[in-house]
Protein backbone atom coordinates (compact mmCIF):
# COMPACT_ATOMS: atom_id res chain seq x y z
CA MET A 1 -15.96 -2.25 -6.50
CA GLY A 2 -18.72 -4.79 -6.86
CA GLY A 3 -20.14 -7.27 -4.41
CA SER A 4 -17.44 -9.91 -4.85
CA SER A 5 -14.96 -8.63 -2.25
CA ALA A 6 -14.48 -10.80 0.81
CA VAL A 7 -15.36 -8.65 3.82
CA PRO A 8 -15.14 -10.10 7.33
CA PRO A 9 -17.89 -9.36 9.87
CA VAL A 10 -15.43 -6.92 11.43
CA VAL A 11 -13.09 -4.85 9.26
CA ARG A 12 -9.71 -4.35 10.93
CA PRO A 13 -7.30 -1.72 9.58
CA SER A 14 -3.93 -3.23 8.73
CA ILE A 15 -2.15 0.14 9.09
CA PHE A 16 -2.23 -0.30 12.87
CA ASP A 17 -0.87 -3.84 12.82
CA GLY A 18 2.09 -4.19 15.14
CA GLU A 19 1.12 -1.17 17.23
CA VAL A 20 0.85 -2.41 20.81
CA GLY A 21 -2.02 -1.20 22.94
CA VAL A 22 -4.35 -0.04 20.16
CA VAL A 23 -7.75 -1.44 19.17
CA ALA A 24 -9.34 -0.30 15.89
CA ALA A 25 -12.16 -1.77 13.81
CA VAL A 26 -15.23 -1.05 11.72
CA SER A 27 -18.45 -3.04 11.98
CA THR A 28 -20.41 -4.38 9.00
CA ARG A 29 -24.12 -5.08 8.62
CA ASN A 30 -23.55 -8.79 9.35
CA GLY A 31 -23.92 -10.70 12.59
CA GLY A 32 -26.56 -8.66 14.38
CA VAL A 33 -29.90 -9.56 15.92
CA SER A 34 -32.00 -6.77 14.39
CA PRO A 35 -34.59 -7.75 11.76
CA GLN A 36 -33.40 -7.30 8.20
CA PRO A 37 -32.42 -5.07 6.58
CA LEU A 38 -30.96 -3.65 9.80
CA GLY A 39 -28.95 -6.70 10.87
CA MET A 40 -25.93 -5.45 12.79
CA ASN A 41 -27.30 -1.96 13.32
CA LEU A 42 -25.45 -0.03 16.04
CA SER A 43 -27.51 3.18 16.09
CA TYR A 44 -30.39 4.10 18.37
CA GLN A 45 -31.48 6.77 15.86
CA VAL A 46 -32.90 4.68 12.99
CA GLY A 47 -36.08 3.23 14.49
CA ASP A 48 -34.55 -0.08 15.57
CA HIS A 49 -35.70 -1.54 18.89
CA PRO A 50 -33.32 -0.31 21.63
CA GLU A 51 -32.81 -3.82 22.97
CA ASN A 52 -31.64 -4.97 19.55
CA VAL A 53 -29.16 -2.12 19.37
CA ARG A 54 -27.90 -2.87 22.87
CA ARG A 55 -27.36 -6.52 22.00
CA ASN A 56 -25.71 -5.66 18.69
CA ARG A 57 -23.30 -3.32 20.44
CA GLU A 58 -22.46 -5.96 23.00
CA VAL A 59 -21.68 -8.44 20.22
CA PHE A 60 -19.56 -6.07 18.13
CA PHE A 61 -17.65 -4.38 20.93
CA GLY A 62 -17.41 -7.62 22.89
CA SER A 63 -15.63 -9.21 19.93
CA LEU A 64 -12.99 -6.48 20.32
CA GLY A 65 -12.70 -6.82 24.09
CA ILE A 66 -14.37 -3.44 24.64
CA ARG A 67 -17.05 -2.73 27.25
CA THR A 68 -19.92 -0.61 25.97
CA ASP A 69 -19.57 1.53 29.11
CA ASP A 70 -16.16 2.64 27.82
CA LEU A 71 -17.39 4.23 24.57
CA ALA A 72 -17.08 7.92 23.71
CA ILE A 73 -19.70 8.80 21.11
CA PRO A 74 -20.10 12.11 19.30
CA GLY A 75 -23.49 13.57 18.40
CA GLN A 76 -22.64 14.03 14.73
CA VAL A 77 -23.92 17.11 12.89
CA HIS A 78 -21.79 17.14 9.69
CA GLY A 79 -19.61 19.88 11.13
CA THR A 80 -15.93 20.25 12.00
CA THR A 81 -15.98 20.42 15.79
CA VAL A 82 -13.36 18.03 17.21
CA ARG A 83 -13.30 17.58 20.97
CA PRO A 84 -10.50 16.32 23.22
CA VAL A 85 -11.96 13.87 25.75
CA ASP A 86 -10.63 11.90 28.69
CA ALA A 87 -13.70 9.87 29.66
CA PRO A 88 -16.42 7.77 28.02
CA GLY A 89 -19.79 9.34 27.35
CA SER A 90 -21.88 11.20 24.80
CA TYR A 91 -20.47 14.38 23.29
CA PRO A 92 -23.13 16.46 21.51
CA GLU A 93 -22.68 18.47 18.34
CA CYS A 94 -19.27 17.30 17.23
CA ASP A 95 -17.92 15.10 14.46
CA GLY A 96 -14.59 14.09 15.91
CA LEU A 97 -12.99 13.05 19.19
CA ILE A 98 -9.34 12.85 20.26
CA THR A 99 -7.85 11.31 23.37
CA ALA A 100 -4.66 10.22 25.07
CA ALA A 101 -6.61 8.37 27.77
CA ARG A 102 -6.41 4.60 27.91
CA GLY A 103 -9.66 2.69 28.15
CA VAL A 104 -11.66 5.35 26.28
CA PHE A 105 -12.83 4.07 22.90
CA LEU A 106 -13.69 6.72 20.35
CA CYS A 107 -16.56 5.98 17.96
CA VAL A 108 -18.10 7.45 14.84
CA SER A 109 -21.35 6.28 13.29
CA ILE A 110 -21.29 5.75 9.52
CA ALA A 111 -23.42 4.65 6.58
CA ASP A 112 -21.62 6.27 3.58
CA CYS A 113 -19.51 9.06 5.13
CA VAL A 114 -15.79 8.43 5.62
CA PRO A 115 -14.62 7.25 9.05
CA ILE A 116 -11.08 8.49 9.68
CA LEU A 117 -9.06 6.87 12.47
CA LEU A 118 -5.75 8.45 13.49
CA LEU A 119 -2.95 7.25 15.75
CA ASP A 120 0.29 8.81 16.94
CA PRO A 121 1.89 5.67 18.38
CA SER A 122 4.79 7.49 20.01
CA LEU A 123 2.68 9.37 22.59
CA PRO A 124 0.15 7.63 22.11
CA VAL A 125 -2.88 9.66 20.97
CA VAL A 126 -5.87 8.58 18.86
CA ALA A 127 -8.70 10.28 16.98
CA ALA A 128 -11.95 9.23 15.33
CA LEU A 129 -13.57 11.50 12.72
CA HIS A 130 -16.76 11.52 10.66
CA ALA A 131 -16.23 13.09 7.23
CA GLY A 132 -19.18 13.44 4.89
CA TRP A 133 -19.02 15.86 1.98
CA ARG A 134 -19.62 18.84 4.25
CA GLY A 135 -16.93 17.82 6.72
CA THR A 136 -14.53 17.04 3.90
CA VAL A 137 -15.04 20.41 2.22
CA ALA A 138 -14.58 22.12 5.61
CA ARG A 139 -11.39 20.06 6.19
CA ILE A 140 -12.28 18.23 9.38
CA ALA A 141 -9.12 16.13 8.96
CA GLU A 142 -7.03 19.29 9.22
CA VAL A 143 -9.04 20.54 12.19
CA ALA A 144 -8.40 17.23 13.96
CA VAL A 145 -4.68 17.11 13.25
CA ARG A 146 -4.27 20.73 14.41
CA ALA A 147 -6.18 19.89 17.59
CA MET A 148 -3.96 16.86 18.19
CA GLN A 149 -0.89 19.07 17.76
CA ARG A 150 -2.24 21.74 20.09
CA GLU A 151 -3.59 19.46 22.81
CA PHE A 152 -1.04 16.66 22.83
CA GLY A 153 2.03 17.68 20.83
CA VAL A 154 1.33 15.28 17.97
CA GLU A 155 3.56 15.53 14.91
CA PRO A 156 1.81 14.76 11.59
CA GLY A 157 4.82 12.84 10.32
CA ARG A 158 4.36 10.30 13.10
CA LEU A 159 0.65 9.74 12.48
CA ARG A 160 -0.89 6.60 11.08
CA ALA A 161 -4.26 7.07 9.37
CA TYR A 162 -7.07 4.81 8.24
CA LEU A 163 -9.84 5.96 5.90
CA GLY A 164 -12.53 3.35 6.25
CA PRO A 165 -15.43 1.96 4.20
CA ALA A 166 -17.51 4.75 2.66
CA ALA A 167 -19.42 5.62 -0.49
CA GLY A 168 -16.86 5.27 -3.27
CA SER A 169 -16.21 7.45 -6.29
CA CYS A 170 -17.97 4.73 -8.27
CA CYS A 171 -21.28 5.57 -6.62
CA TYR A 172 -21.21 8.90 -4.75
CA LEU A 173 -23.35 10.95 -7.13
CA VAL A 174 -23.78 14.62 -6.20
CA GLY A 175 -25.23 17.78 -7.69
CA GLU A 176 -23.07 20.45 -9.28
CA GLU A 177 -23.42 22.66 -6.22
CA VAL A 178 -21.57 20.00 -4.22
CA ALA A 179 -19.18 18.86 -6.95
CA SER A 180 -18.00 22.44 -7.47
CA ARG A 181 -16.65 22.53 -3.93
CA PHE A 182 -14.16 19.74 -4.62
CA ALA A 183 -10.86 20.00 -6.46
CA ALA A 184 -10.97 18.59 -9.98
CA PRO A 185 -8.96 15.41 -9.23
CA PHE A 186 -11.72 14.26 -6.87
CA VAL A 187 -14.64 14.72 -9.27
CA HIS A 188 -15.42 12.68 -12.34
CA ARG A 189 -18.44 13.03 -14.55
CA GLY A 190 -20.44 10.32 -16.21
CA GLU A 191 -23.79 10.05 -17.94
CA ALA A 192 -25.57 10.21 -14.57
CA GLY A 193 -23.74 13.33 -13.41
CA ALA A 194 -20.84 14.18 -11.08
CA PHE A 195 -19.26 11.63 -8.77
CA VAL A 196 -17.03 12.65 -5.84
CA ASP A 197 -14.11 10.75 -4.29
CA LEU A 198 -14.53 11.49 -0.57
CA LYS A 199 -11.77 9.14 0.52
CA GLY A 200 -9.35 10.59 -2.01
CA ALA A 201 -10.09 14.16 -0.94
CA ASN A 202 -9.46 13.36 2.73
CA HIS A 203 -6.31 11.43 1.85
CA ARG A 204 -4.99 14.49 0.00
CA GLN A 205 -5.71 16.72 3.00
CA LEU A 206 -3.74 14.41 5.28
CA LEU A 207 -0.85 14.33 2.81
CA GLU A 208 -0.83 18.14 2.72
CA LEU A 209 -0.63 18.17 6.53
CA GLY A 210 2.49 16.01 6.45
CA VAL A 211 1.10 12.54 7.11
CA PRO A 212 3.31 10.20 5.04
CA ALA A 213 1.59 8.27 2.26
CA GLY A 214 3.17 5.06 3.54
CA ARG A 215 1.51 5.55 6.93
CA MET A 216 -2.01 5.73 5.51
CA GLU A 217 -4.49 3.06 4.46
CA ILE A 218 -7.54 3.70 2.29
CA SER A 219 -10.24 1.05 2.53
CA PRO A 220 -11.19 -0.31 -0.91
CA PHE A 221 -14.76 -0.98 0.19
CA CYS A 222 -17.70 1.07 -1.09
CA THR A 223 -20.67 1.06 1.27
CA MET A 224 -23.11 1.72 -1.56
CA SER A 225 -22.06 -1.09 -3.91
CA GLU A 226 -21.12 -3.67 -1.26
CA SER A 227 -24.77 -4.15 -0.30
CA ALA A 228 -24.28 -7.54 1.38
CA GLN A 229 -21.66 -6.20 3.78
CA PHE A 230 -22.39 -2.55 4.54
CA HIS A 231 -25.21 -0.25 5.51
CA SER A 232 -25.74 2.67 3.11
CA PHE A 233 -28.11 5.54 3.71
CA ARG A 234 -27.81 6.71 0.11
CA ARG A 235 -28.75 3.26 -1.14
CA ASP A 236 -31.42 2.26 1.40
CA GLY A 237 -32.69 5.53 2.85
CA VAL A 238 -34.70 5.17 6.05
CA ARG A 239 -34.27 1.38 5.87
CA SER A 240 -30.53 1.77 6.47
CA GLY A 241 -28.83 0.87 9.72
CA ARG A 242 -25.54 2.34 10.88
CA MET A 243 -22.08 0.95 11.39
CA ILE A 244 -19.48 2.16 13.89
CA ALA A 245 -15.78 2.76 13.46
CA VAL A 246 -13.87 2.65 16.75
CA ILE A 247 -10.34 3.27 17.97
CA GLY A 248 -8.92 3.29 21.48
CA LEU A 249 -5.88 2.74 23.65
CA ILE A 250 -5.67 -0.19 26.04
């Protein structure tokens, strides 16, 4: 997954195409007003000037027809807390949000971890999850689906799922203490060490929960290797901005 892929300024999941009343997208690093290398940085937590972040958010969300006042944003801590919400706002210490409320747009901030967007179009209900290696090992996808079942009567077989741009198995190098927590199919070893397939591991969890393979989309984009299009904390460290994945009902 080199730098030759054509990535639009906004990545739109095709798995939700044809579903009326749903907006879903992932930002890239392109099109923002922040000084490079931040570009289209959407986080207030990386040292960017707040006015730049505000303007970037207005550009990105405005392109989707979303008001920034209608965002629901989790305070991510690499855990498995998933909260049902019915209003915009900030939700501390959680890594996933679910809602059946229209006009509430669920966000997760990303720069290598896997954004997972879920939709049960029959109800409808949506979810946005942040799955790094810790969240993946602790099965945040399962926590979210169980919460959607409990709170809203979602059936996994009706779900559509999108696993967005993230560090790919080509680049996600980890130590043995992390690699040992993943099933063998999601770890491969090279001269540099062990590489983990975060997207593949989350995809398997969703399959095990009963989400049909044909109702899931795995983004081919690697945030680490696609340096022209995506922010990557592992690649750029403190110089990295953040992207946002968003889903909501209109």
